[in-house]
């Protein structure tokens, strides 16, 4: 029994050393041959034999062979399960825990008892955001944390500042998004808007609206009231 255990430990150690050596080979060859490739964060096996995932910039993915002789950019699809494995991996890497959201840089809109919670990143000039806000008016008993995220134009930044600096941020925001009442010009320390932009870039929030529910589920794009209700019902802080 002791001999079997010893052999097992030795075998596992050998496999581990081989894996480290293989990773070192891939890392060395890619780094030397592709000097413009960002620093490699991680190299790991994929479900496809002989193919390895190369992760850079926290969540950018490439694929390579065991020697780093070839580099592939694109999606890996599991044809049996009909699943985009690359998309799944990126979603996992960019997941945002609700507790980790910088809520101090958002303002809140509370309806009813406010027990259910959600957050949304929105550009004031985003037409889909305006449609989403009209549907959101139908939802009761919810607290919405709104992150101003001006990514469409310079005017988006100006409107975001005016909304953030308004005496009643929530009312000014809804007046503009739902009723087309332009936010009055206002000035204040609007550094929160700039921080939202940096946070969103790091979290790969590339479009608006992007909705995050209390269970961490991220939904890119506008969804209707029925879908909002469904996500809120499934979300558990």
Foldseek 3Di string as FASTA:
>chain_A
DVVVVVVVVVVVVVVVVVVVVLVVQLQVVCCVVPVVDARWPDWADDPDPQKIWTDHLQQQIWIAGSRNPDIGHDWDADVVVRDGPSVVSSCVSLFDAPVNDPLVLWDKDAFALQPFEKEKEAQLPDLQVLVQVVQCVVDGNHIYTYQHAHDPDVVSVQQLQLLVQDPDNVVQSCCCSHVVDRRDGGHDPNVSNVVSNVVCVSSVLDAPTWMAGNQRDIDHTGDGNVVVVVVSVPHDD
